[in-house]
């Protein structure tokens, strides 16, 4: 049996949706603490550059 055709983009998203929270967590695992820290440091640096705030040390 073939899956039904999507009528709109939203229908297409619904057809691809994960069935439950456990499957969602398996598909999109949380990043590590080090990865979050690195991203936050980079965003802080870019924000400081954007605002022309001198960096401390």
PDB file of N, CA and C in Angstrom:
ATOM      1  N   UNK A   1       0.830  -1.184   0.000  1.00  0.00           N
ATOM      2  CA  UNK A   1       0.000   0.000   0.000  1.00  0.00           C
ATOM      3  C   UNK A   1       0.874   1.248   0.000  1.00  0.00           C
ATOM      4  N   UNK A   2       0.608   2.186  -0.878  1.00  0.00           N
ATOM      5  CA  UNK A   2       1.409   3.407  -0.965  1.00  0.00           C
ATOM      6  C   UNK A   2       0.839   4.466  -0.036  1.00  0.00           C
ATOM      7  N   UNK A   3       1.732   5.345   0.499  1.00  0.00           N
ATOM      8  CA  UNK A   3       1.245   6.402   1.387  1.00  0.00           C
ATOM      9  C   UNK A   3       0.426   7.420   0.592  1.00  0.00           C
ATOM     10  N   UNK A   4      -0.520   8.102   1.245  1.00  0.00           N
ATOM     11  CA  UNK A   4      -1.335   9.095   0.539  1.00  0.00           C
ATOM     12  C   UNK A   4      -0.492  10.270   0.073  1.00  0.00           C
ATOM     13  N   UNK A   5      -0.895  10.879  -1.025  1.00  0.00           N
ATOM     14  CA  UNK A   5      -0.186  12.043  -1.543  1.00  0.00           C
ATOM     15  C   UNK A   5      -0.528  13.274  -0.716  1.00  0.00           C
ATOM     16  N   UNK A   6       0.446  14.148  -0.552  1.00  0.00           N
ATOM     17  CA  UNK A   6       0.227  15.380   0.205  1.00  0.00           C
ATOM     18  C   UNK A   6      -0.449  16.410  -0.686  1.00  0.00           C
ATOM     19  N   UNK A   7      -1.438  17.087  -0.113  1.00  0.00           N
ATOM     20  CA  UNK A   7      -2.153  18.117  -0.853  1.00  0.00           C
ATOM     21  C   UNK A   7      -1.442  19.449  -0.721  1.00  0.00           C
ATOM     22  N   UNK A   8      -0.876  19.714   0.429  1.00  0.00           N
ATOM     23  CA  UNK A   8      -0.176  20.981   0.666  1.00  0.00           C
ATOM     24  C   UNK A   8       1.152  20.697   1.368  1.00  0.00           C
ATOM     25  N   UNK A   9       1.934  21.748   1.551  1.00  0.00           N
ATOM     26  CA  UNK A   9       3.206  21.604   2.262  1.00  0.00           C
ATOM     27  C   UNK A   9       2.971  21.145   3.695  1.00  0.00           C
ATOM     28  N   UNK A  10       1.902  21.630   4.325  1.00  0.00           N
ATOM     29  CA  UNK A  10       1.602  21.233   5.700  1.00  0.00           C
ATOM     30  C   UNK A  10       1.235  19.756   5.777  1.00  0.00           C
ATOM     31  N   UNK A  11       0.499  19.256   4.784  1.00  0.00           N
ATOM     32  CA  UNK A  11       0.174  17.835   4.751  1.00  0.00           C
ATOM     33  C   UNK A  11       1.448  17.003   4.621  1.00  0.00           C
ATOM     34  N   UNK A  12       2.378  17.503   3.813  1.00  0.00           N
ATOM     35  CA  UNK A  12       3.640  16.810   3.630  1.00  0.00           C
ATOM     36  C   UNK A  12       4.395  16.733   4.948  1.00  0.00           C
ATOM     37  N   UNK A  13       4.395  17.826   5.709  1.00  0.00           N
ATOM     38  CA  UNK A  13       5.063  17.823   7.005  1.00  0.00           C
ATOM     39  C   UNK A  13       4.394  16.841   7.959  1.00  0.00           C
ATOM     40  N   UNK A  14       3.073  16.786   7.923  1.00  0.00           N
ATOM     41  CA  UNK A  14       2.353  15.864   8.801  1.00  0.00           C
ATOM     42  C   UNK A  14       2.697  14.412   8.478  1.00  0.00           C
ATOM     43  N   UNK A  15       2.842  14.113   7.200  1.00  0.00           N
ATOM     44  CA  UNK A  15       3.170  12.744   6.796  1.00  0.00           C
ATOM     45  C   UNK A  15       4.567  12.342   7.263  1.00  0.00           C
ATOM     46  N   UNK A  16       5.485  13.335   7.351  1.00  0.00           N
ATOM     47  CA  UNK A  16       6.857  13.068   7.773  1.00  0.00           C
ATOM     48  C   UNK A  16       7.055  13.186   9.281  1.00  0.00           C
ATOM     49  N   UNK A  17       6.038  13.591   9.999  1.00  0.00           N
ATOM     50  CA  UNK A  17       6.169  13.845  11.436  1.00  0.00           C
ATOM     51  C   UNK A  17       6.499  12.568  12.195  1.00  0.00           C
ATOM     52  N   UNK A  18       7.238  12.749  13.270  1.00  0.00           N
ATOM     53  CA  UNK A  18       7.553  11.602  14.122  1.00  0.00           C
ATOM     54  C   UNK A  18       6.328  11.266  14.971  1.00  0.00           C
ATOM     55  N   UNK A  19       6.149   9.993  15.310  1.00  0.00           N
ATOM     56  CA  UNK A  19       4.922   9.572  15.989  1.00  0.00           C
ATOM     57  C   UNK A  19       4.806   9.988  17.455  1.00  0.00           C
ATOM     58  N   UNK A  20       5.939  10.153  18.155  1.00  0.00           N
ATOM     59  CA  UNK A  20       5.850  10.482  19.581  1.00  0.00           C
ATOM     60  C   UNK A  20       7.107  11.188  20.065  1.00  0.00           C
ATOM     61  N   UNK A  21       7.095  11.598  21.316  1.00  0.00           N
ATOM     62  CA  UNK A  21       8.220  12.340  21.888  1.00  0.00           C
ATOM     63  C   UNK A  21       9.505  11.514  21.936  1.00  0.00           C
ATOM     64  N   UNK A  22       9.393  10.226  22.195  1.00  0.00           N
ATOM     65  CA  UNK A  22      10.592   9.382  22.245  1.00  0.00           C
ATOM     66  C   UNK A  22      11.278   9.332  20.881  1.00  0.00           C
ATOM     67  N   UNK A  23      10.491   9.178  19.834  1.00  0.00           N
ATOM     68  CA  UNK A  23      11.056   9.153  18.481  1.00  0.00           C
ATOM     69  C   UNK A  23      11.674  10.501  18.134  1.00  0.00           C
ATOM     70  N   UNK A  24      11.037  11.569  18.573  1.00  0.00           N
ATOM     71  CA  UNK A  24      11.574  12.912  18.331  1.00  0.00           C
ATOM     72  C   UNK A  24      12.918  13.080  19.024  1.00  0.00           C
ATOM     73  N   UNK A  25      13.036  12.621  20.259  1.00  0.00           N
ATOM     74  CA  UNK A  25      14.306  12.722  20.993  1.00  0.00           C
ATOM     75  C   UNK A  25      15.394  11.879  20.344  1.00  0.00           C
ATOM     76  N   UNK A  26      15.020  10.721  19.793  1.00  0.00           N
ATOM     77  CA  UNK A  26      16.013   9.895  19.096  1.00  0.00           C
ATOM     78  C   UNK A  26      16.479  10.573  17.816  1.00  0.00           C
ATOM     79  N   UNK A  27      15.552  11.213  17.106  1.00  0.00           N
ATOM     80  CA  UNK A  27      15.904  11.856  15.836  1.00  0.00           C
ATOM     81  C   UNK A  27      16.722  13.123  16.053  1.00  0.00           C
ATOM     82  N   UNK A  28      16.381  13.869  17.097  1.00  0.00           N
ATOM     83  CA  UNK A  28      17.049  15.148  17.370  1.00  0.00           C
ATOM     84  C   UNK A  28      17.544  15.163  18.804  1.00  0.00           C
ATOM     85  N   UNK A  29      18.655  14.531  19.028  1.00  0.00           N
ATOM     86  CA  UNK A  29      19.224  14.473  20.372  1.00  0.00           C
ATOM     87  C   UNK A  29      19.702  15.860  20.806  1.00  0.00           C
ATOM     88  N   UNK A  30      19.686  16.093  22.110  1.00  0.00           N
ATOM     89  CA  UNK A  30      20.161  17.371  22.635  1.00  0.00           C
ATOM     90  C   UNK A  30      21.669  17.479  22.434  1.00  0.00           C
ATOM     91  N   UNK A  31      22.171  18.693  22.159  1.00  0.00           N
ATOM     92  CA  UNK A  31      23.612  18.862  21.977  1.00  0.00           C
ATOM     93  C   UNK A  31      24.347  18.706  23.311  1.00  0.00           C
ATOM     94  N   UNK A  32      25.630  18.441  23.220  1.00  0.00           N
ATOM     95  CA  UNK A  32      26.428  18.307  24.432  1.00  0.00           C
ATOM     96  C   UNK A  32      26.618  19.671  25.092  1.00  0.00           C
ATOM     97  N   UNK A  33      26.999  19.652  26.351  1.00  0.00           N
ATOM     98  CA  UNK A  33      27.225  20.903  27.084  1.00  0.00           C
ATOM     99  C   UNK A  33      28.337  21.720  26.435  1.00  0.00           C
ATOM    100  N   UNK A  34      29.382  21.045  25.966  1.00  0.00           N
ATOM    101  CA  UNK A  34      30.497  21.739  25.316  1.00  0.00           C
ATOM    102  C   UNK A  34      30.049  22.416  24.020  1.00  0.00           C
ATOM    103  N   UNK A  35      29.190  21.761  23.263  1.00  0.00           N
ATOM    104  CA  UNK A  35      28.702  22.344  22.012  1.00  0.00           C
ATOM    105  C   UNK A  35      27.851  23.586  22.282  1.00  0.00           C
ATOM    106  N   UNK A  36      27.025  23.528  23.312  1.00  0.00           N
ATOM    107  CA  UNK A  36      26.205  24.684  23.676  1.00  0.00           C
ATOM    108  C   UNK A  36      27.098  25.833  24.134  1.00  0.00           C
ATOM    109  N   UNK A  37      28.096  25.541  24.965  1.00  0.00           N
ATOM    110  CA  UNK A  37      29.009  26.575  25.441  1.00  0.00           C
ATOM    111  C   UNK A  37      29.749  27.230  24.271  1.00  0.00           C
ATOM    112  N   UNK A  38      30.214  26.422  23.325  1.00  0.00           N
ATOM    113  CA  UNK A  38      30.926  26.955  22.163  1.00  0.00           C
ATOM    114  C   UNK A  38      30.016  27.865  21.346  1.00  0.00           C
ATOM    115  N   UNK A  39      28.782  27.439  21.131  1.00  0.00           N
ATOM    116  CA  UNK A  39      27.833  28.242  20.364  1.00  0.00           C
ATOM    117  C   UNK A  39      27.515  29.552  21.075  1.00  0.00           C
ATOM    118  N   UNK A  40      27.325  29.485  22.397  1.00  0.00           N
ATOM    119  CA  UNK A  40      27.030  30.701  23.157  1.00  0.00           C
ATOM    120  C   UNK A  40      28.206  31.672  23.133  1.00  0.00           C
ATOM    121  N   UNK A  41      29.436  31.143  23.226  1.00  0.00           N
ATOM    122  CA  UNK A  41      30.626  31.992  23.154  1.00  0.00           C
ATOM    123  C   UNK A  41      30.701  32.684  21.800  1.00  0.00           C
ATOM    124  N   UNK A  42      30.444  31.929  20.743  1.00  0.00           N
ATOM    125  CA  UNK A  42      30.477  32.507  19.403  1.00  0.00           C
ATOM    126  C   UNK A  42      29.392  33.573  19.234  1.00  0.00           C
ATOM    127  N   UNK A  43      28.196  33.301  19.719  1.00  0.00           N
ATOM    128  CA  UNK A  43      27.117  34.288  19.612  1.00  0.00           C
ATOM    129  C   UNK A  43      27.412  35.538  20.427  1.00  0.00           C
ATOM    130  N   UNK A  44      28.006  35.363  21.606  1.00  0.00           N
ATOM    131  CA  UNK A  44      28.386  36.515  22.430  1.00  0.00           C
ATOM    132  C   UNK A  44      29.417  37.363  21.701  1.00  0.00           C
ATOM    133  N   UNK A  45      30.420  36.718  21.126  1.00  0.00           N
ATOM    134  CA  UNK A  45      31.464  37.433  20.394  1.00  0.00           C
ATOM    135  C   UNK A  45      30.880  38.194  19.212  1.00  0.00           C
ATOM    136  N   UNK A  46      30.011  37.548  18.438  1.00  0.00           N
ATOM    137  CA  UNK A  46      29.411  38.215  17.283  1.00  0.00           C
ATOM    138  C   UNK A  46      28.520  39.374  17.706  1.00  0.00           C
ATOM    139  N   UNK A  47      27.812  39.218  18.827  1.00  0.00           N
ATOM    140  CA  UNK A  47      26.970  40.296  19.338  1.00  0.00           C
ATOM    141  C   UNK A  47      27.834  41.478  19.757  1.00  0.00           C
ATOM    142  N   UNK A  48      28.939  41.199  20.419  1.00  0.00           N
ATOM    143  CA  UNK A  48      29.844  42.274  20.820  1.00  0.00           C
ATOM    144  C   UNK A  48      30.399  43.003  19.605  1.00  0.00           C
ATOM    145  N   UNK A  49      30.748  42.268  18.565  1.00  0.00           N
ATOM    146  CA  UNK A  49      31.241  42.903  17.341  1.00  0.00           C
ATOM    147  C   UNK A  49      30.152  43.765  16.713  1.00  0.00           C
ATOM    148  N   UNK A  50      28.952  43.254  16.680  1.00  0.00           N
ATOM    149  CA  UNK A  50      27.830  43.964  16.090  1.00  0.00           C
ATOM    150  C   UNK A  50      27.551  45.255  16.843  1.00  0.00           C
ATOM    151  N   UNK A  51      27.636  45.188  18.156  1.00  0.00           N
ATOM    152  CA  UNK A  51      27.344  46.354  18.991  1.00  0.00           C
ATOM    153  C   UNK A  51      28.573  47.238  19.216  1.00  0.00           C
ATOM    154  N   UNK A  52      29.713  46.816  18.706  1.00  0.00           N
ATOM    155  CA  UNK A  52      30.986  47.542  18.857  1.00  0.00           C
ATOM    156  C   UNK A  52      31.360  47.699  20.326  1.00  0.00           C
ATOM    157  N   UNK A  53      31.115  46.654  21.097  1.00  0.00           N
ATOM    158  CA  UNK A  53      31.501  46.647  22.505  1.00  0.00           C
ATOM    159  C   UNK A  53      32.891  46.031  22.587  1.00  0.00           C
ATOM    160  N   UNK A  54      33.830  46.721  23.256  1.00  0.00           N
ATOM    161  CA  UNK A  54      35.172  46.128  23.374  1.00  0.00           C
ATOM    162  C   UNK A  54      35.132  44.840  24.201  1.00  0.00           C
ATOM    163  N   UNK A  55      35.849  43.846  23.756  1.00  0.00           N
ATOM    164  CA  UNK A  55      35.897  42.581  24.485  1.00  0.00           C
ATOM    165  C   UNK A  55      36.752  42.734  25.718  1.00  0.00           C
ATOM    166  N   UNK A  56      36.343  42.057  26.792  1.00  0.00           N
ATOM    167  CA  UNK A  56      37.141  42.047  28.007  1.00  0.00           C
ATOM    168  C   UNK A  56      38.101  40.878  27.919  1.00  0.00           C
ATOM    169  N   UNK A  57      39.360  41.139  27.944  1.00  0.00           N
ATOM    170  CA  UNK A  57      40.455  40.171  27.833  1.00  0.00           C
ATOM    171  C   UNK A  57      40.372  39.256  26.708  1.00  0.00           C
TER     172      UNK A  57
END
